[in-house]
């Protein structure tokens, strides 16, 4: 259950100073956006760099400085840390990565795999465009098939509600 602790232990064990968490439920993450997010962390003085959420959900993720994660782990009071951003320590320096070349349709796209509706949508994308489709092709596909985003768009509201629940840190 403790996502933060898993990350912390892995970072310590392998002596990782910075990383980007690419969750296994984000099969269509964009490696270019992911690299740029990490570069922002490394080049700046941020403890964490979070995506601005304008690019489609599942396109890129959180960049982490291991020393900041260590501080957050020390201060948390629960092991239920799935919504990790809620557990950043209060004095963390949090940067926000603004994705480039974001097209309007992306604001309605959710390509993370948490629910049956997500699975159906991802399976449809794979069937139509292949398993190794690039971000620009994904967006083109959804611009041609705008109705598909409705299948799981409501799940984003659920995710935001859980993300904004009270934290358990001191």
Protein backbone atom coordinates (compact mmCIF):
# COMPACT_ATOMS: atom_id res chain seq x y z
CA UNK A 1 0.00 0.00 0.00
CA UNK A 2 2.84 2.41 0.68
CA UNK A 3 3.92 3.80 -2.67
CA UNK A 4 6.19 6.44 -1.15
CA UNK A 5 8.04 3.92 0.98
CA UNK A 6 8.55 1.59 -2.02
CA UNK A 7 10.05 4.44 -4.03
CA UNK A 8 12.21 5.53 -1.10
CA UNK A 9 13.57 2.03 -0.44
CA UNK A 10 14.31 1.48 -4.14
CA UNK A 11 16.08 4.84 -4.44
CA UNK A 12 18.22 4.11 -1.38
CA UNK A 13 19.03 0.55 -2.41
CA UNK A 14 20.19 1.57 -5.89
CA UNK A 15 21.67 4.94 -4.83
CA UNK A 16 19.32 6.91 -7.09
CA UNK A 17 19.45 10.66 -6.47
CA UNK A 18 16.68 11.74 -8.89
CA UNK A 19 14.05 9.87 -10.91
CA UNK A 20 10.77 10.14 -12.72
CA UNK A 21 8.06 7.74 -11.63
CA UNK A 22 6.54 6.16 -14.71
CA UNK A 23 3.68 4.11 -13.38
CA UNK A 24 2.87 0.78 -15.01
CA UNK A 25 -0.71 1.98 -15.47
CA UNK A 26 0.52 4.64 -17.94
CA UNK A 27 1.40 2.52 -21.00
CA UNK A 28 1.41 5.51 -23.40
CA UNK A 29 3.67 7.84 -21.44
CA UNK A 30 5.67 10.17 -23.64
CA UNK A 31 9.42 9.62 -23.13
CA UNK A 32 10.20 13.11 -24.46
CA UNK A 33 7.92 14.82 -21.90
CA UNK A 34 9.21 12.47 -19.21
CA UNK A 35 12.83 13.37 -19.98
CA UNK A 36 12.00 17.09 -20.02
CA UNK A 37 10.29 16.78 -16.61
CA UNK A 38 13.38 15.10 -15.18
CA UNK A 39 15.66 17.69 -16.77
CA UNK A 40 13.68 20.47 -15.08
CA UNK A 41 14.26 18.73 -11.73
CA UNK A 42 17.99 18.23 -12.32
CA UNK A 43 18.59 21.73 -13.71
CA UNK A 44 16.63 23.48 -10.96
CA UNK A 45 16.49 23.44 -7.20
CA UNK A 46 13.15 21.64 -7.04
CA UNK A 47 12.42 18.73 -4.73
CA UNK A 48 9.60 17.53 -6.94
CA UNK A 49 8.39 18.48 -10.42
CA UNK A 50 4.74 17.75 -11.11
CA UNK A 51 3.06 17.74 -14.52
CA UNK A 52 0.68 20.62 -15.22
CA UNK A 53 -2.01 18.11 -16.34
CA UNK A 54 -2.67 19.84 -19.68
CA UNK A 55 -1.20 16.98 -21.71
CA UNK A 56 -3.32 13.83 -21.61
CA UNK A 57 -3.56 11.95 -18.34
CA UNK A 58 -0.87 9.25 -18.41
CA UNK A 59 1.47 11.12 -20.76
CA UNK A 60 4.12 12.00 -18.16
CA UNK A 61 4.57 11.87 -14.43
CA UNK A 62 6.28 13.14 -11.32
CA UNK A 63 10.03 13.85 -11.08
CA UNK A 64 11.50 13.28 -7.63
CA UNK A 65 14.64 14.23 -5.74
CA UNK A 66 15.33 11.29 -3.42
CA UNK A 67 16.43 13.48 -0.51
CA UNK A 68 13.04 15.26 -0.57
CA UNK A 69 11.23 11.94 -0.75
CA UNK A 70 13.16 10.85 2.33
CA UNK A 71 11.85 13.91 4.22
CA UNK A 72 8.28 13.24 3.10
CA UNK A 73 8.49 9.57 4.15
CA UNK A 74 9.75 10.59 7.62
CA UNK A 75 6.76 12.90 8.14
CA UNK A 76 3.85 10.84 6.83
CA UNK A 77 1.50 9.12 9.29
CA UNK A 78 -0.15 6.59 7.00
CA UNK A 79 0.94 3.84 4.65
CA UNK A 80 -1.83 4.60 2.17
CA UNK A 81 0.20 6.90 -0.09
CA UNK A 82 -1.16 6.20 -3.57
CA UNK A 83 -1.98 9.89 -4.16
CA UNK A 84 1.61 10.81 -3.45
CA UNK A 85 1.44 14.56 -4.07
CA UNK A 86 -0.72 14.94 -0.95
CA UNK A 87 2.22 13.79 1.14
CA UNK A 88 4.92 16.22 0.02
CA UNK A 89 6.43 17.82 3.10
CA UNK A 90 5.26 21.38 3.70
CA UNK A 91 8.57 23.08 2.89
CA UNK A 92 9.18 21.12 -0.34
CA UNK A 93 10.13 23.16 -3.38
CA UNK A 94 7.62 21.98 -5.98
CA UNK A 95 8.05 22.89 -9.63
CA UNK A 96 5.41 22.52 -12.30
CA UNK A 97 6.29 21.22 -15.75
CA UNK A 98 4.23 22.72 -18.55
CA UNK A 99 4.00 20.32 -21.47
CA UNK A 100 4.68 21.77 -24.88
CA UNK A 101 2.66 21.32 -28.05
CA UNK A 102 -0.53 20.49 -26.12
CA UNK A 103 -3.61 20.23 -28.30
CA UNK A 104 -7.13 20.93 -27.03
CA UNK A 105 -8.31 17.30 -27.24
CA UNK A 106 -5.68 16.31 -24.64
CA UNK A 107 -7.61 18.11 -21.91
CA UNK A 108 -10.27 15.40 -22.27
CA UNK A 109 -8.04 12.36 -22.73
CA UNK A 110 -7.30 9.83 -20.02
CA UNK A 111 -4.84 7.08 -20.95
CA UNK A 112 -4.06 5.61 -17.58
CA UNK A 113 -5.25 2.12 -16.70
CA UNK A 114 -7.29 2.07 -13.50
CA UNK A 115 -10.82 1.12 -14.53
CA UNK A 116 -12.66 -1.10 -17.02
CA UNK A 117 -13.42 1.95 -19.16
CA UNK A 118 -9.72 2.78 -19.31
CA UNK A 119 -8.91 -0.77 -20.42
CA UNK A 120 -11.49 -0.64 -23.20
CA UNK A 121 -10.19 2.70 -24.46
CA UNK A 122 -6.52 1.62 -24.36
CA UNK A 123 -7.37 -1.69 -26.03
CA UNK A 124 -9.17 0.23 -28.80
CA UNK A 125 -6.18 2.53 -29.29
CA UNK A 126 -3.80 -0.45 -29.49
CA UNK A 127 -6.04 -2.24 -31.97
CA UNK A 128 -6.32 0.83 -34.19
CA UNK A 129 -2.81 2.33 -33.92
CA UNK A 130 -0.55 -0.39 -32.48
CA UNK A 131 1.21 -0.90 -29.17
CA UNK A 132 4.07 1.53 -29.79
CA UNK A 133 2.10 4.53 -31.02
CA UNK A 134 3.64 7.97 -30.43
CA UNK A 135 1.96 10.89 -28.64
CA UNK A 136 1.27 12.87 -31.83
CA UNK A 137 -0.40 9.83 -33.44
CA UNK A 138 -2.44 9.20 -30.28
CA UNK A 139 -3.70 12.77 -30.32
CA UNK A 140 -4.46 12.57 -34.06
CA UNK A 141 -6.48 9.40 -33.42
CA UNK A 142 -8.56 11.06 -30.70
CA UNK A 143 -9.09 14.19 -32.78
CA UNK A 144 -10.60 11.94 -35.46
CA UNK A 145 -12.60 9.99 -32.86
CA UNK A 146 -13.52 12.65 -30.30
CA UNK A 147 -16.45 10.65 -28.91
CA UNK A 148 -14.08 8.02 -27.50
CA UNK A 149 -12.87 10.38 -24.76
CA UNK A 150 -16.33 10.31 -23.19
CA UNK A 151 -15.87 6.64 -22.25
CA UNK A 152 -13.62 7.35 -19.29
CA UNK A 153 -13.55 11.14 -18.94
CA UNK A 154 -15.71 10.97 -15.80
CA UNK A 155 -13.00 8.91 -14.09
CA UNK A 156 -10.76 11.97 -14.06
CA UNK A 157 -13.24 13.71 -11.75
CA UNK A 158 -13.05 10.72 -9.38
CA UNK A 159 -9.25 10.85 -9.45
CA UNK A 160 -9.18 14.57 -8.69
CA UNK A 161 -11.53 14.09 -5.73
CA UNK A 162 -9.26 11.40 -4.22
CA UNK A 163 -6.14 13.43 -4.99
CA UNK A 164 -7.47 16.38 -3.00
CA UNK A 165 -8.45 14.49 0.15
CA UNK A 166 -6.71 15.61 3.39
CA UNK A 167 -3.09 14.60 3.89
CA UNK A 168 -1.57 12.60 6.71
CA UNK A 169 1.72 14.35 7.41
CA UNK A 170 3.03 16.36 10.32
